[in-house]
Amino acid sequence: MSFMDNAGGLGDKAKDFAGQNPDKVDQGVEQAGNFVDEKTGGQYADKVDQGQEALKNQFGGQGGDQQQGDQAADQQGGDQQQQ
């Protein structure tokens, strides 16, 4: 079995883990982004934020857009319950 065969299996395992643990993916992405921001003095913060959102969306975490949508749905549900 070659290295590439093993690497392909590793990617599948990572995707499975990400799908089962979106909260941990989000946490890891946030920590990585914060680390980069710290080391660069925030010089690339906008690009880091874009990368964080892309990674969260790609690997099963909830990006900011999804979280905002969830919050709006929660607010609408709460409004309906009050009526």
PDB file of N, CA and C in Angstrom:
ATOM      1  N   MET A   1       0.848  -1.179   0.000  1.00  0.00           N
ATOM      2  CA  MET A   1       0.000   0.000   0.000  1.00  0.00           C
ATOM      3  C   MET A   1       0.890   1.237   0.000  1.00  0.00           C
ATOM      4  N   SER A   2       0.605   2.153  -0.885  1.00  0.00           N
ATOM      5  CA  SER A   2       1.434   3.347  -1.020  1.00  0.00           C
ATOM      6  C   SER A   2       1.001   4.442  -0.040  1.00  0.00           C
ATOM      7  N   PHE A   3       1.832   5.442   0.051  1.00  0.00           N
ATOM      8  CA  PHE A   3       1.530   6.586   0.906  1.00  0.00           C
ATOM      9  C   PHE A   3       0.234   7.259   0.465  1.00  0.00           C
ATOM     10  N   MET A   4       0.035   7.401  -0.825  1.00  0.00           N
ATOM     11  CA  MET A   4      -1.165   8.063  -1.329  1.00  0.00           C
ATOM     12  C   MET A   4      -2.432   7.283  -0.973  1.00  0.00           C
ATOM     13  N   ASP A   5      -2.340   5.957  -0.970  1.00  0.00           N
ATOM     14  CA  ASP A   5      -3.496   5.164  -0.558  1.00  0.00           C
ATOM     15  C   ASP A   5      -3.846   5.444   0.899  1.00  0.00           C
ATOM     16  N   ASN A   6      -2.835   5.516   1.736  1.00  0.00           N
ATOM     17  CA  ASN A   6      -3.049   5.816   3.153  1.00  0.00           C
ATOM     18  C   ASN A   6      -3.569   7.236   3.340  1.00  0.00           C
ATOM     19  N   ALA A   7      -3.042   8.173   2.571  1.00  0.00           N
ATOM     20  CA  ALA A   7      -3.457   9.571   2.694  1.00  0.00           C
ATOM     21  C   ALA A   7      -4.924   9.732   2.310  1.00  0.00           C
ATOM     22  N   GLY A   8      -5.368   8.996   1.306  1.00  0.00           N
ATOM     23  CA  GLY A   8      -6.776   9.059   0.918  1.00  0.00           C
ATOM     24  C   GLY A   8      -7.691   8.576   2.023  1.00  0.00           C
ATOM     25  N   GLY A   9      -7.307   7.510   2.685  1.00  0.00           N
ATOM     26  CA  GLY A   9      -8.081   6.995   3.810  1.00  0.00           C
ATOM     27  C   GLY A   9      -8.105   7.961   4.973  1.00  0.00           C
ATOM     28  N   LEU A  10      -7.011   8.662   5.166  1.00  0.00           N
ATOM     29  CA  LEU A  10      -6.928   9.645   6.246  1.00  0.00           C
ATOM     30  C   LEU A  10      -7.893  10.796   5.984  1.00  0.00           C
ATOM     31  N   GLY A  11      -7.980  11.214   4.742  1.00  0.00           N
ATOM     32  CA  GLY A  11      -8.919  12.278   4.387  1.00  0.00           C
ATOM     33  C   GLY A  11     -10.355  11.878   4.657  1.00  0.00           C
ATOM     34  N   ASP A  12     -10.683  10.630   4.335  1.00  0.00           N
ATOM     35  CA  ASP A  12     -12.034  10.131   4.597  1.00  0.00           C
ATOM     36  C   ASP A  12     -12.326  10.106   6.092  1.00  0.00           C
ATOM     37  N   LYS A  13     -11.338   9.692   6.870  1.00  0.00           N
ATOM     38  CA  LYS A  13     -11.523   9.658   8.325  1.00  0.00           C
ATOM     39  C   LYS A  13     -11.709  11.069   8.876  1.00  0.00           C
ATOM     40  N   ALA A  14     -10.955  12.020   8.331  1.00  0.00           N
ATOM     41  CA  ALA A  14     -11.083  13.406   8.782  1.00  0.00           C
ATOM     42  C   ALA A  14     -12.473  13.946   8.456  1.00  0.00           C
ATOM     43  N   LYS A  15     -12.983  13.644   7.275  1.00  0.00           N
ATOM     44  CA  LYS A  15     -14.321  14.102   6.899  1.00  0.00           C
ATOM     45  C   LYS A  15     -15.377  13.470   7.798  1.00  0.00           C
ATOM     46  N   ASP A  16     -15.215  12.184   8.101  1.00  0.00           N
ATOM     47  CA  ASP A  16     -16.157  11.510   8.992  1.00  0.00           C
ATOM     48  C   ASP A  16     -16.149  12.160  10.374  1.00  0.00           C
ATOM     49  N   PHE A  17     -14.948  12.412  10.892  1.00  0.00           N
ATOM     50  CA  PHE A  17     -14.823  13.047  12.200  1.00  0.00           C
ATOM     51  C   PHE A  17     -15.488  14.422  12.188  1.00  0.00           C
ATOM     52  N   ALA A  18     -15.209  15.199  11.140  1.00  0.00           N
ATOM     53  CA  ALA A  18     -15.765  16.545  11.043  1.00  0.00           C
ATOM     54  C   ALA A  18     -17.284  16.502  10.993  1.00  0.00           C
ATOM     55  N   GLY A  19     -17.825  15.549  10.257  1.00  0.00           N
ATOM     56  CA  GLY A  19     -19.273  15.432  10.162  1.00  0.00           C
ATOM     57  C   GLY A  19     -19.923  15.057  11.482  1.00  0.00           C
ATOM     58  N   GLN A  20     -19.226  14.279  12.279  1.00  0.00           N
ATOM     59  CA  GLN A  20     -19.764  13.835  13.563  1.00  0.00           C
ATOM     60  C   GLN A  20     -19.480  14.816  14.697  1.00  0.00           C
ATOM     61  N   ASN A  21     -18.536  15.735  14.483  1.00  0.00           N
ATOM     62  CA  ASN A  21     -18.116  16.655  15.549  1.00  0.00           C
ATOM     63  C   ASN A  21     -17.997  18.088  15.045  1.00  0.00           C
ATOM     64  N   PRO A  22     -19.063  18.669  14.522  1.00  0.00           N
ATOM     65  CA  PRO A  22     -18.964  20.021  13.962  1.00  0.00           C
ATOM     66  C   PRO A  22     -18.547  21.064  14.990  1.00  0.00           C
ATOM     67  N   ASP A  23     -18.909  20.867  16.245  1.00  0.00           N
ATOM     68  CA  ASP A  23     -18.521  21.821  17.278  1.00  0.00           C
ATOM     69  C   ASP A  23     -17.013  21.832  17.482  1.00  0.00           C
ATOM     70  N   LYS A  24     -16.390  20.666  17.405  1.00  0.00           N
ATOM     71  CA  LYS A  24     -14.937  20.595  17.560  1.00  0.00           C
ATOM     72  C   LYS A  24     -14.225  21.184  16.338  1.00  0.00           C
ATOM     73  N   VAL A  25     -14.819  21.000  15.174  1.00  0.00           N
ATOM     74  CA  VAL A  25     -14.258  21.603  13.960  1.00  0.00           C
ATOM     75  C   VAL A  25     -14.287  23.118  14.096  1.00  0.00           C
ATOM     76  N   ASP A  26     -15.434  23.653  14.496  1.00  0.00           N
ATOM     77  CA  ASP A  26     -15.549  25.100  14.675  1.00  0.00           C
ATOM     78  C   ASP A  26     -14.520  25.618  15.673  1.00  0.00           C
ATOM     79  N   GLN A  27     -14.376  24.902  16.772  1.00  0.00           N
ATOM     80  CA  GLN A  27     -13.431  25.315  17.811  1.00  0.00           C
ATOM     81  C   GLN A  27     -11.996  25.307  17.285  1.00  0.00           C
ATOM     82  N   GLY A  28     -11.634  24.260  16.567  1.00  0.00           N
ATOM     83  CA  GLY A  28     -10.277  24.174  16.017  1.00  0.00           C
ATOM     84  C   GLY A  28     -10.007  25.248  14.982  1.00  0.00           C
ATOM     85  N   VAL A  29     -10.981  25.516  14.138  1.00  0.00           N
ATOM     86  CA  VAL A  29     -10.831  26.555  13.116  1.00  0.00           C
ATOM     87  C   VAL A  29     -10.679  27.921  13.781  1.00  0.00           C
ATOM     88  N   GLU A  30     -11.477  28.175  14.804  1.00  0.00           N
ATOM     89  CA  GLU A  30     -11.379  29.446  15.530  1.00  0.00           C
ATOM     90  C   GLU A  30     -10.005  29.606  16.176  1.00  0.00           C
ATOM     91  N   GLN A  31      -9.529  28.542  16.821  1.00  0.00           N
ATOM     92  CA  GLN A  31      -8.217  28.602  17.470  1.00  0.00           C
ATOM     93  C   GLN A  31      -7.113  28.843  16.457  1.00  0.00           C
ATOM     94  N   ALA A  32      -7.194  28.175  15.319  1.00  0.00           N
ATOM     95  CA  ALA A  32      -6.174  28.363  14.282  1.00  0.00           C
ATOM     96  C   ALA A  32      -6.206  29.789  13.758  1.00  0.00           C
ATOM     97  N   GLY A  33      -7.391  30.303  13.527  1.00  0.00           N
ATOM     98  CA  GLY A  33      -7.517  31.678  13.041  1.00  0.00           C
ATOM     99  C   GLY A  33      -7.001  32.686  14.045  1.00  0.00           C
ATOM    100  N   ASN A  34      -7.314  32.472  15.311  1.00  0.00           N
ATOM    101  CA  ASN A  34      -6.823  33.369  16.361  1.00  0.00           C
ATOM    102  C   ASN A  34      -5.299  33.333  16.448  1.00  0.00           C
ATOM    103  N   PHE A  35      -4.727  32.154  16.267  1.00  0.00           N
ATOM    104  CA  PHE A  35      -3.279  32.009  16.288  1.00  0.00           C
ATOM    105  C   PHE A  35      -2.644  32.811  15.152  1.00  0.00           C
ATOM    106  N   VAL A  36      -3.202  32.679  13.962  1.00  0.00           N
ATOM    107  CA  VAL A  36      -2.673  33.418  12.806  1.00  0.00           C
ATOM    108  C   VAL A  36      -2.815  34.912  13.035  1.00  0.00           C
ATOM    109  N   ASP A  37      -3.972  35.348  13.526  1.00  0.00           N
ATOM    110  CA  ASP A  37      -4.171  36.772  13.805  1.00  0.00           C
ATOM    111  C   ASP A  37      -3.160  37.285  14.817  1.00  0.00           C
ATOM    112  N   GLU A  38      -2.898  36.491  15.834  1.00  0.00           N
ATOM    113  CA  GLU A  38      -1.938  36.888  16.865  1.00  0.00           C
ATOM    114  C   GLU A  38      -0.535  37.028  16.279  1.00  0.00           C
ATOM    115  N   LYS A  39      -0.133  36.058  15.475  1.00  0.00           N
ATOM    116  CA  LYS A  39       1.219  36.062  14.917  1.00  0.00           C
ATOM    117  C   LYS A  39       1.414  37.144  13.856  1.00  0.00           C
ATOM    118  N   THR A  40       0.332  37.550  13.182  1.00  0.00           N
ATOM    119  CA  THR A  40       0.452  38.561  12.126  1.00  0.00           C
ATOM    120  C   THR A  40       0.005  39.942  12.595  1.00  0.00           C
ATOM    121  N   GLY A  41      -0.337  40.045  13.873  1.00  0.00           N
ATOM    122  CA  GLY A  41      -0.794  41.320  14.403  1.00  0.00           C
ATOM    123  C   GLY A  41      -2.128  41.757  13.820  1.00  0.00           C
ATOM    124  N   GLY A  42      -2.924  40.807  13.353  1.00  0.00           N
ATOM    125  CA  GLY A  42      -4.234  41.120  12.795  1.00  0.00           C
ATOM    126  C   GLY A  42      -4.181  41.714  11.398  1.00  0.00           C
ATOM    127  N   GLN A  43      -2.998  41.719  10.798  1.00  0.00           N
ATOM    128  CA  GLN A  43      -2.811  42.330   9.490  1.00  0.00           C
ATOM    129  C   GLN A  43      -3.680  41.674   8.409  1.00  0.00           C
ATOM    130  N   TYR A  44      -3.942  40.398   8.547  1.00  0.00           N
ATOM    131  CA  TYR A  44      -4.709  39.664   7.543  1.00  0.00           C
ATOM    132  C   TYR A  44      -6.034  39.147   8.117  1.00  0.00           C
ATOM    133  N   ALA A  45      -6.557  39.838   9.112  1.00  0.00           N
ATOM    134  CA  ALA A  45      -7.744  39.364   9.831  1.00  0.00           C
ATOM    135  C   ALA A  45      -8.929  39.122   8.900  1.00  0.00           C
ATOM    136  N   ASP A  46      -9.119  40.003   7.903  1.00  0.00           N
ATOM    137  CA  ASP A  46     -10.258  39.808   7.004  1.00  0.00           C
ATOM    138  C   ASP A  46     -10.113  38.536   6.180  1.00  0.00           C
ATOM    139  N   LYS A  47      -8.902  38.250   5.733  1.00  0.00           N
ATOM    140  CA  LYS A  47      -8.657  37.026   4.955  1.00  0.00           C
ATOM    141  C   LYS A  47      -8.762  35.786   5.844  1.00  0.00           C
ATOM    142  N   VAL A  48      -8.271  35.909   7.068  1.00  0.00           N
ATOM    143  CA  VAL A  48      -8.357  34.795   8.014  1.00  0.00           C
ATOM    144  C   VAL A  48      -9.819  34.482   8.301  1.00  0.00           C
ATOM    145  N   ASP A  49     -10.627  35.518   8.498  1.00  0.00           N
ATOM    146  CA  ASP A  49     -12.053  35.318   8.754  1.00  0.00           C
ATOM    147  C   ASP A  49     -12.739  34.622   7.581  1.00  0.00           C
ATOM    148  N   GLN A  50     -12.378  35.034   6.362  1.00  0.00           N
ATOM    149  CA  GLN A  50     -12.954  34.391   5.173  1.00  0.00           C
ATOM    150  C   GLN A  50     -12.568  32.913   5.124  1.00  0.00           C
ATOM    151  N   GLY A  51     -11.314  32.632   5.430  1.00  0.00           N
ATOM    152  CA  GLY A  51     -10.853  31.249   5.443  1.00  0.00           C
ATOM    153  C   GLY A  51     -11.543  30.428   6.514  1.00  0.00           C
ATOM    154  N   GLN A  52     -11.750  31.029   7.668  1.00  0.00           N
ATOM    155  CA  GLN A  52     -12.442  30.324   8.756  1.00  0.00           C
ATOM    156  C   GLN A  52     -13.861  29.964   8.339  1.00  0.00           C
ATOM    157  N   GLU A  53     -14.559  30.899   7.744  1.00  0.00           N
ATOM    158  CA  GLU A  53     -15.931  30.630   7.316  1.00  0.00           C
ATOM    159  C   GLU A  53     -15.961  29.527   6.262  1.00  0.00           C
ATOM    160  N   ALA A  54     -15.026  29.577   5.320  1.00  0.00           N
ATOM    161  CA  ALA A  54     -14.977  28.565   4.262  1.00  0.00           C
ATOM    162  C   ALA A  54     -14.710  27.177   4.854  1.00  0.00           C
ATOM    163  N   LEU A  55     -13.786  27.088   5.792  1.00  0.00           N
ATOM    164  CA  LEU A  55     -13.483  25.804   6.417  1.00  0.00           C
ATOM    165  C   LEU A  55     -14.662  25.271   7.217  1.00  0.00           C
ATOM    166  N   LYS A  56     -15.302  26.143   7.964  1.00  0.00           N
ATOM    167  CA  LYS A  56     -16.455  25.707   8.750  1.00  0.00           C
ATOM    168  C   LYS A  56     -17.561  25.186   7.842  1.00  0.00           C
ATOM    169  N   ASN A  57     -17.805  25.886   6.746  1.00  0.00           N
ATOM    170  CA  ASN A  57     -18.846  25.454   5.813  1.00  0.00           C
ATOM    171  C   ASN A  57     -18.460  24.163   5.105  1.00  0.00           C
ATOM    172  N   GLN A  58     -17.203  24.011   4.785  1.00  0.00           N
ATOM    173  CA  GLN A  58     -16.720  22.837   4.059  1.00  0.00           C
ATOM    174  C   GLN A  58     -16.755  21.573   4.912  1.00  0.00           C
ATOM    175  N   PHE A  59     -16.393  21.699   6.180  1.00  0.00           N
ATOM    176  CA  PHE A  59     -16.188  20.516   7.013  1.00  0.00           C
ATOM    177  C   PHE A  59     -17.254  20.324   8.075  1.00  0.00           C
ATOM    178  N   GLY A  60     -18.450  20.783   7.819  1.00  0.00           N
ATOM    179  CA  GLY A  60     -19.560  20.426   8.686  1.00  0.00           C
ATOM    180  C   GLY A  60     -19.822  21.362   9.835  1.00  0.00           C
ATOM    181  N   GLY A  61     -18.968  22.330  10.040  1.00  0.00           N
ATOM    182  CA  GLY A  61     -19.246  23.296  11.096  1.00  0.00           C
ATOM    183  C   GLY A  61     -20.233  24.310  10.580  1.00  0.00           C
ATOM    184  N   GLN A  62     -20.695  25.153  11.449  1.00  0.00           N
ATOM    185  CA  GLN A  62     -21.630  26.183  11.029  1.00  0.00           C
ATOM    186  C   GLN A  62     -20.884  27.485  10.870  1.00  0.00           C
ATOM    187  N   GLY A  63     -20.899  27.994   9.668  1.00  0.00           N
ATOM    188  CA  GLY A  63     -20.299  29.295   9.408  1.00  0.00           C
ATOM    189  C   GLY A  63     -21.178  30.391   9.964  1.00  0.00           C
ATOM    190  N   GLY A  64     -20.701  31.608   9.933  1.00  0.00           N
ATOM    191  CA  GLY A  64     -21.452  32.737  10.457  1.00  0.00           C
ATOM    192  C   GLY A  64     -22.794  32.913   9.789  1.00  0.00           C
ATOM    193  N   ASP A  65     -22.870  32.709   8.467  1.00  0.00           N
ATOM    194  CA  ASP A  65     -24.131  32.858   7.755  1.00  0.00           C
ATOM    195  C   ASP A  65     -25.153  31.861   8.265  1.00  0.00           C
ATOM    196  N   GLN A  66     -24.747  30.640   8.498  1.00  0.00           N
ATOM    197  CA  GLN A  66     -25.656  29.613   8.986  1.00  0.00           C
ATOM    198  C   GLN A  66     -26.117  29.952  10.398  1.00  0.00           C
ATOM    199  N   GLN A  67     -25.203  30.424  11.232  1.00  0.00           N
ATOM    200  CA  GLN A  67     -25.562  30.757  12.599  1.00  0.00           C
ATOM    201  C   GLN A  67     -26.561  31.907  12.612  1.00  0.00           C
ATOM    202  N   GLN A  68     -26.365  32.899  11.746  1.00  0.00           N
ATOM    203  CA  GLN A  68     -27.289  34.011  11.680  1.00  0.00           C
ATOM    204  C   GLN A  68     -28.662  33.535  11.243  1.00  0.00           C
ATOM    205  N   GLY A  69     -28.697  32.618  10.288  1.00  0.00           N
ATOM    206  CA  GLY A  69     -29.959  32.054   9.835  1.00  0.00           C
ATOM    207  C   GLY A  69     -30.661  31.300  10.949  1.00  0.00           C
ATOM    208  N   ASP A  70     -29.899  30.544  11.726  1.00  0.00           N
ATOM    209  CA  ASP A  70     -30.466  29.814  12.852  1.00  0.00           C
ATOM    210  C   ASP A  70     -31.029  30.771  13.891  1.00  0.00           C
ATOM    211  N   GLN A  71     -30.313  31.870  14.155  1.00  0.00           N
ATOM    212  CA  GLN A  71     -30.778  32.836  15.135  1.00  0.00           C
ATOM    213  C   GLN A  71     -32.070  33.493  14.662  1.00  0.00           C
ATOM    214  N   ALA A  72     -32.146  33.802  13.371  1.00  0.00           N
ATOM    215  CA  ALA A  72     -33.360  34.408  12.832  1.00  0.00           C
ATOM    216  C   ALA A  72     -34.531  33.441  12.950  1.00  0.00           C
ATOM    217  N   ALA A  73     -34.287  32.173  12.664  1.00  0.00           N
ATOM    218  CA  ALA A  73     -35.346  31.168  12.783  1.00  0.00           C
ATOM    219  C   ALA A  73     -35.780  31.023  14.234  1.00  0.00           C
ATOM    220  N   ASP A  74     -34.836  31.063  15.151  1.00  0.00           N
ATOM    221  CA  ASP A  74     -35.169  30.972  16.575  1.00  0.00           C
ATOM    222  C   ASP A  74     -36.014  32.163  17.008  1.00  0.00           C
ATOM    223  N   GLN A  75     -35.652  33.353  16.516  1.00  0.00           N
ATOM    224  CA  GLN A  75     -36.406  34.545  16.872  1.00  0.00           C
ATOM    225  C   GLN A  75     -37.816  34.484  16.315  1.00  0.00           C
ATOM    226  N   GLN A  76     -37.964  34.005  15.103  1.00  0.00           N
ATOM    227  CA  GLN A  76     -39.287  33.881  14.506  1.00  0.00           C
ATOM    228  C   GLN A  76     -40.126  32.884  15.280  1.00  0.00           C
ATOM    229  N   GLY A  77     -39.513  31.797  15.674  1.00  0.00           N
ATOM    230  CA  GLY A  77     -40.217  30.792  16.466  1.00  0.00           C
ATOM    231  C   GLY A  77     -40.644  31.357  17.799  1.00  0.00           C
ATOM    232  N   GLY A  78     -39.785  32.154  18.407  1.00  0.00           N
ATOM    233  CA  GLY A  78     -40.111  32.776  19.681  1.00  0.00           C
ATOM    234  C   GLY A  78     -41.240  33.783  19.542  1.00  0.00           C
ATOM    235  N   ASP A  79     -41.265  34.518  18.414  1.00  0.00           N
ATOM    236  CA  ASP A  79     -42.326  35.474  18.161  1.00  0.00           C
ATOM    237  C   ASP A  79     -43.670  34.768  18.021  1.00  0.00           C
ATOM    238  N   GLN A  80     -43.664  33.626  17.361  1.00  0.00           N
ATOM    239  CA  GLN A  80     -44.898  32.886  17.160  1.00  0.00           C
ATOM    240  C   GLN A  80     -45.415  32.324  18.472  1.00  0.00           C
ATOM    241  N   GLN A  81     -44.516  31.933  19.354  1.00  0.00           N
ATOM    242  CA  GLN A  81     -44.939  31.380  20.633  1.00  0.00           C
ATOM    243  C   GLN A  81     -45.572  32.451  21.516  1.00  0.00           C
ATOM    244  N   GLN A  82     -45.132  33.700  21.368  1.00  0.00           N
ATOM    245  CA  GLN A  82     -45.655  34.781  22.200  1.00  0.00           C
ATOM    246  C   GLN A  82     -47.038  35.205  21.764  1.00  0.00           C
ATOM    247  N   GLN A  83     -47.435  34.954  20.536  1.00  0.00           N
ATOM    248  CA  GLN A  83     -48.725  35.411  20.021  1.00  0.00           C
ATOM    249  C   GLN A  83     -49.861  34.638  20.559  1.00  0.00           C
TER     250      GLN A  83
END
